[in-house]
Amino acid sequence: MDDLDRNIIQILQGNGRASNASIARDVGVSEGTVRRRLKTLVNDGIIKVVALPDPEVLGYDTEALVGIQVDPDKIDEVAGLLVELKESSWVSVTTGSFDIFCWVTLPTSEELGNFLKAVVGTIPGVRRTETFVSLSVRKRNYGIRL
């Protein structure tokens, strides 16, 4: 990956719907070059093209980060189950006080409570959870600094 690839990615992080022609103008290369570079970036798994919906607009008013302590021999199994849940949008195995962090989005705080008790709390190997409810989201994107 070179500076041209980084520039293309940065433009797309700012506007995921930018056309190849506008990207080409911005970086000073041909549209064909941008098209080929994008194809390679996607095929090599360097970037993924996704839609990032706004949960609040869709009626999901409750978002939370759930810290989960797990039996050491069950970490991968629990993480795998969390990944499959429609309520989870991000799952990370970590170090520190919690073995796993999971970002969840639900319509109401009542449904969050039910989810924690009836779903997360019943997963074999889960020892303890601590939930951090989001009061407001100030930044929502998946971009990284290149």
C-alpha atoms as a PDB file:
ATOM      1  CA  MET A   1       0.000   0.000   0.000  1.00  0.00           C
ATOM      2  CA  ASP A   2       1.419   3.362  -1.004  1.00  0.00           C
ATOM      3  CA  ASP A   3       0.488   7.036  -0.578  1.00  0.00           C
ATOM      4  CA  LEU A   4      -2.000   6.888  -3.464  1.00  0.00           C
ATOM      5  CA  ASP A   5      -3.876   4.030  -1.784  1.00  0.00           C
ATOM      6  CA  ARG A   6      -3.862   5.930   1.511  1.00  0.00           C
ATOM      7  CA  ASN A   7      -5.226   9.051  -0.173  1.00  0.00           C
ATOM      8  CA  ILE A   8      -7.997   7.071  -1.878  1.00  0.00           C
ATOM      9  CA  ILE A   9      -8.945   5.464   1.436  1.00  0.00           C
ATOM     10  CA  GLN A  10      -8.968   8.821   3.247  1.00  0.00           C
ATOM     11  CA  ILE A  11     -11.289  10.304   0.637  1.00  0.00           C
ATOM     12  CA  LEU A  12     -13.651   7.340   0.942  1.00  0.00           C
ATOM     13  CA  GLN A  13     -13.625   7.579   4.741  1.00  0.00           C
ATOM     14  CA  GLY A  14     -14.885  11.134   4.378  1.00  0.00           C
ATOM     15  CA  ASN A  15     -17.388  10.314   1.634  1.00  0.00           C
ATOM     16  CA  GLY A  16     -18.042   6.647   0.972  1.00  0.00           C
ATOM     17  CA  ARG A  17     -20.097   7.546  -2.091  1.00  0.00           C
ATOM     18  CA  ALA A  18     -17.333   9.514  -3.819  1.00  0.00           C
ATOM     19  CA  SER A  19     -17.136   8.574  -7.485  1.00  0.00           C
ATOM     20  CA  ASN A  20     -13.996   7.180  -9.060  1.00  0.00           C
ATOM     21  CA  ALA A  21     -13.882  10.300 -11.252  1.00  0.00           C
ATOM     22  CA  SER A  22     -13.967  12.696  -8.296  1.00  0.00           C
ATOM     23  CA  ILE A  23     -11.377  10.668  -6.409  1.00  0.00           C
ATOM     24  CA  ALA A  24      -9.165  10.665  -9.497  1.00  0.00           C
ATOM     25  CA  ARG A  25      -9.419  14.465  -9.747  1.00  0.00           C
ATOM     26  CA  ASP A  26      -8.603  14.856  -6.047  1.00  0.00           C
ATOM     27  CA  VAL A  27      -5.518  12.635  -6.145  1.00  0.00           C
ATOM     28  CA  GLY A  28      -4.321  13.567  -9.625  1.00  0.00           C
ATOM     29  CA  VAL A  29      -4.531  10.236 -11.448  1.00  0.00           C
ATOM     30  CA  SER A  30      -6.829   8.682 -14.052  1.00  0.00           C
ATOM     31  CA  GLU A  31     -10.210   7.220 -13.223  1.00  0.00           C
ATOM     32  CA  GLY A  32      -8.975   3.833 -14.441  1.00  0.00           C
ATOM     33  CA  THR A  33      -6.108   3.949 -11.955  1.00  0.00           C
ATOM     34  CA  VAL A  34      -8.524   4.646  -9.111  1.00  0.00           C
ATOM     35  CA  ARG A  35     -10.816   1.831 -10.287  1.00  0.00           C
ATOM     36  CA  ARG A  36      -7.917  -0.660 -10.392  1.00  0.00           C
ATOM     37  CA  ARG A  37      -6.568   0.462  -7.021  1.00  0.00           C
ATOM     38  CA  LEU A  38     -10.003   0.186  -5.391  1.00  0.00           C
ATOM     39  CA  LYS A  39     -10.509  -3.287  -6.818  1.00  0.00           C
ATOM     40  CA  THR A  40      -7.163  -4.386  -5.393  1.00  0.00           C
ATOM     41  CA  LEU A  41      -7.844  -2.772  -1.997  1.00  0.00           C
ATOM     42  CA  VAL A  42     -11.194  -4.578  -1.743  1.00  0.00           C
ATOM     43  CA  ASN A  43      -9.929  -7.926  -3.100  1.00  0.00           C
ATOM     44  CA  ASP A  44      -6.932  -7.887  -0.745  1.00  0.00           C
ATOM     45  CA  GLY A  45      -9.231  -7.227   2.235  1.00  0.00           C
ATOM     46  CA  ILE A  46      -7.601  -3.888   3.015  1.00  0.00           C
ATOM     47  CA  ILE A  47     -10.936  -2.059   2.808  1.00  0.00           C
ATOM     48  CA  LYS A  48     -14.548  -3.135   3.010  1.00  0.00           C
ATOM     49  CA  VAL A  49     -17.428  -1.237   1.505  1.00  0.00           C
ATOM     50  CA  VAL A  50     -20.281  -1.014   4.030  1.00  0.00           C
ATOM     51  CA  ALA A  51     -23.290   1.108   4.910  1.00  0.00           C
ATOM     52  CA  LEU A  52     -23.155   2.627   8.390  1.00  0.00           C
ATOM     53  CA  PRO A  53     -26.743   3.157   9.549  1.00  0.00           C
ATOM     54  CA  ASP A  54     -27.668   5.550  12.336  1.00  0.00           C
ATOM     55  CA  PRO A  55     -29.280   3.377  15.044  1.00  0.00           C
ATOM     56  CA  GLU A  56     -31.243   6.265  16.563  1.00  0.00           C
ATOM     57  CA  VAL A  57     -32.897   7.120  13.246  1.00  0.00           C
ATOM     58  CA  LEU A  58     -33.875   3.447  12.921  1.00  0.00           C
ATOM     59  CA  GLY A  59     -35.508   3.412  16.371  1.00  0.00           C
ATOM     60  CA  TYR A  60     -32.669   1.923  18.405  1.00  0.00           C
ATOM     61  CA  ASP A  61     -32.453   4.360  21.300  1.00  0.00           C
ATOM     62  CA  THR A  62     -30.233   2.319  23.620  1.00  0.00           C
ATOM     63  CA  GLU A  63     -26.584   1.574  22.988  1.00  0.00           C
ATOM     64  CA  ALA A  64     -24.168   0.091  25.489  1.00  0.00           C
ATOM     65  CA  LEU A  65     -20.702  -1.301  25.896  1.00  0.00           C
ATOM     66  CA  VAL A  66     -20.829  -4.586  27.793  1.00  0.00           C
ATOM     67  CA  GLY A  67     -17.692  -5.765  29.581  1.00  0.00           C
ATOM     68  CA  ILE A  68     -17.774  -9.529  30.072  1.00  0.00           C
ATOM     69  CA  GLN A  69     -15.667 -11.726  32.336  1.00  0.00           C
ATOM     70  CA  VAL A  70     -15.495 -15.285  31.069  1.00  0.00           C
ATOM     71  CA  ASP A  71     -14.063 -18.609  32.206  1.00  0.00           C
ATOM     72  CA  PRO A  72     -10.591 -18.718  30.613  1.00  0.00           C
ATOM     73  CA  ASP A  73     -11.319 -21.853  28.612  1.00  0.00           C
ATOM     74  CA  LYS A  74     -14.524 -20.377  27.167  1.00  0.00           C
ATOM     75  CA  ILE A  75     -13.319 -16.995  25.838  1.00  0.00           C
ATOM     76  CA  ASP A  76     -13.247 -17.942  22.158  1.00  0.00           C
ATOM     77  CA  GLU A  77     -16.544 -19.812  22.402  1.00  0.00           C
ATOM     78  CA  VAL A  78     -18.332 -16.903  24.136  1.00  0.00           C
ATOM     79  CA  ALA A  79     -16.859 -14.363  21.708  1.00  0.00           C
ATOM     80  CA  GLY A  80     -18.049 -16.499  18.804  1.00  0.00           C
ATOM     81  CA  LEU A  81     -21.589 -16.593  20.184  1.00  0.00           C
ATOM     82  CA  LEU A  82     -21.609 -12.815  20.773  1.00  0.00           C
ATOM     83  CA  VAL A  83     -20.508 -12.194  17.191  1.00  0.00           C
ATOM     84  CA  GLU A  84     -23.617 -14.029  15.945  1.00  0.00           C
ATOM     85  CA  LEU A  85     -26.080 -11.888  17.935  1.00  0.00           C
ATOM     86  CA  LYS A  86     -28.017  -9.328  15.884  1.00  0.00           C
ATOM     87  CA  GLU A  87     -27.777  -6.886  18.812  1.00  0.00           C
ATOM     88  CA  SER A  88     -23.976  -6.810  18.736  1.00  0.00           C
ATOM     89  CA  SER A  89     -22.103  -4.638  16.275  1.00  0.00           C
ATOM     90  CA  TRP A  90     -18.592  -4.951  17.690  1.00  0.00           C
ATOM     91  CA  VAL A  91     -16.954  -7.725  19.735  1.00  0.00           C
ATOM     92  CA  SER A  92     -13.371  -7.635  20.963  1.00  0.00           C
ATOM     93  CA  VAL A  93     -11.343 -10.067  23.072  1.00  0.00           C
ATOM     94  CA  THR A  94      -9.253  -7.934  25.417  1.00  0.00           C
ATOM     95  CA  THR A  95      -6.829  -7.848  28.302  1.00  0.00           C
ATOM     96  CA  GLY A  96      -7.533  -6.303  31.685  1.00  0.00           C
ATOM     97  CA  SER A  97     -10.547  -6.654  33.965  1.00  0.00           C
ATOM     98  CA  PHE A  98     -12.800  -7.891  31.165  1.00  0.00           C
ATOM     99  CA  ASP A  99     -12.082 -10.675  28.725  1.00  0.00           C
ATOM    100  CA  ILE A 100     -14.530  -9.428  26.089  1.00  0.00           C
ATOM    101  CA  PHE A 101     -16.144  -6.120  25.220  1.00  0.00           C
ATOM    102  CA  CYS A 102     -19.309  -6.086  23.135  1.00  0.00           C
ATOM    103  CA  TRP A 103     -21.106  -3.009  21.728  1.00  0.00           C
ATOM    104  CA  VAL A 104     -24.854  -3.594  21.540  1.00  0.00           C
ATOM    105  CA  THR A 105     -27.774  -1.619  20.174  1.00  0.00           C
ATOM    106  CA  LEU A 106     -31.398  -2.165  21.185  1.00  0.00           C
ATOM    107  CA  PRO A 107     -34.666  -0.228  20.910  1.00  0.00           C
ATOM    108  CA  THR A 108     -35.125   0.432  24.653  1.00  0.00           C
ATOM    109  CA  SER A 109     -33.304   0.178  27.963  1.00  0.00           C
ATOM    110  CA  GLU A 110     -35.871  -2.412  29.046  1.00  0.00           C
ATOM    111  CA  GLU A 111     -34.887  -4.580  26.084  1.00  0.00           C
ATOM    112  CA  LEU A 112     -31.230  -4.072  27.010  1.00  0.00           C
ATOM    113  CA  GLY A 113     -31.992  -5.398  30.492  1.00  0.00           C
ATOM    114  CA  ASN A 114     -33.799  -8.407  29.071  1.00  0.00           C
ATOM    115  CA  PHE A 115     -30.967  -9.027  26.603  1.00  0.00           C
ATOM    116  CA  LEU A 116     -28.366  -8.965  29.380  1.00  0.00           C
ATOM    117  CA  LYS A 117     -30.345 -11.375  31.584  1.00  0.00           C
ATOM    118  CA  ALA A 118     -31.876 -13.734  29.038  1.00  0.00           C
ATOM    119  CA  VAL A 119     -29.139 -13.824  26.407  1.00  0.00           C
ATOM    120  CA  VAL A 120     -25.699 -12.786  27.663  1.00  0.00           C
ATOM    121  CA  GLY A 121     -26.319 -14.015  31.202  1.00  0.00           C
ATOM    122  CA  THR A 122     -27.239 -17.496  30.007  1.00  0.00           C
ATOM    123  CA  ILE A 123     -24.165 -18.082  27.821  1.00  0.00           C
ATOM    124  CA  PRO A 124     -22.106 -20.900  29.369  1.00  0.00           C
ATOM    125  CA  GLY A 125     -18.813 -19.544  30.689  1.00  0.00           C
ATOM    126  CA  VAL A 126     -19.990 -15.968  31.322  1.00  0.00           C
ATOM    127  CA  ARG A 127     -19.082 -15.150  34.933  1.00  0.00           C
ATOM    128  CA  ARG A 128     -19.865 -11.447  35.221  1.00  0.00           C
ATOM    129  CA  THR A 129     -20.871  -8.479  33.105  1.00  0.00           C
ATOM    130  CA  GLU A 130     -20.688  -4.748  33.584  1.00  0.00           C
ATOM    131  CA  THR A 131     -22.700  -2.545  31.270  1.00  0.00           C
ATOM    132  CA  PHE A 132     -21.827   1.009  30.281  1.00  0.00           C
ATOM    133  CA  VAL A 133     -24.903   2.657  28.745  1.00  0.00           C
ATOM    134  CA  SER A 134     -24.185   5.341  26.174  1.00  0.00           C
ATOM    135  CA  LEU A 135     -25.746   8.709  26.986  1.00  0.00           C
ATOM    136  CA  SER A 136     -24.869  10.188  23.602  1.00  0.00           C
ATOM    137  CA  VAL A 137     -22.707   9.172  20.673  1.00  0.00           C
ATOM    138  CA  ARG A 138     -20.375  11.989  19.616  1.00  0.00           C
ATOM    139  CA  LYS A 139     -18.577  10.179  16.806  1.00  0.00           C
ATOM    140  CA  ARG A 140     -19.669   7.191  14.769  1.00  0.00           C
ATOM    141  CA  ASN A 141     -17.402   5.842  12.052  1.00  0.00           C
ATOM    142  CA  TYR A 142     -14.969   3.076  11.379  1.00  0.00           C
ATOM    143  CA  GLY A 143     -12.236   5.195   9.881  1.00  0.00           C
ATOM    144  CA  ILE A 144      -8.642   5.045  11.022  1.00  0.00           C
ATOM    145  CA  ARG A 145      -5.912   7.594  10.675  1.00  0.00           C
ATOM    146  CA  LEU A 146      -3.587   6.653   7.817  1.00  0.00           C
END
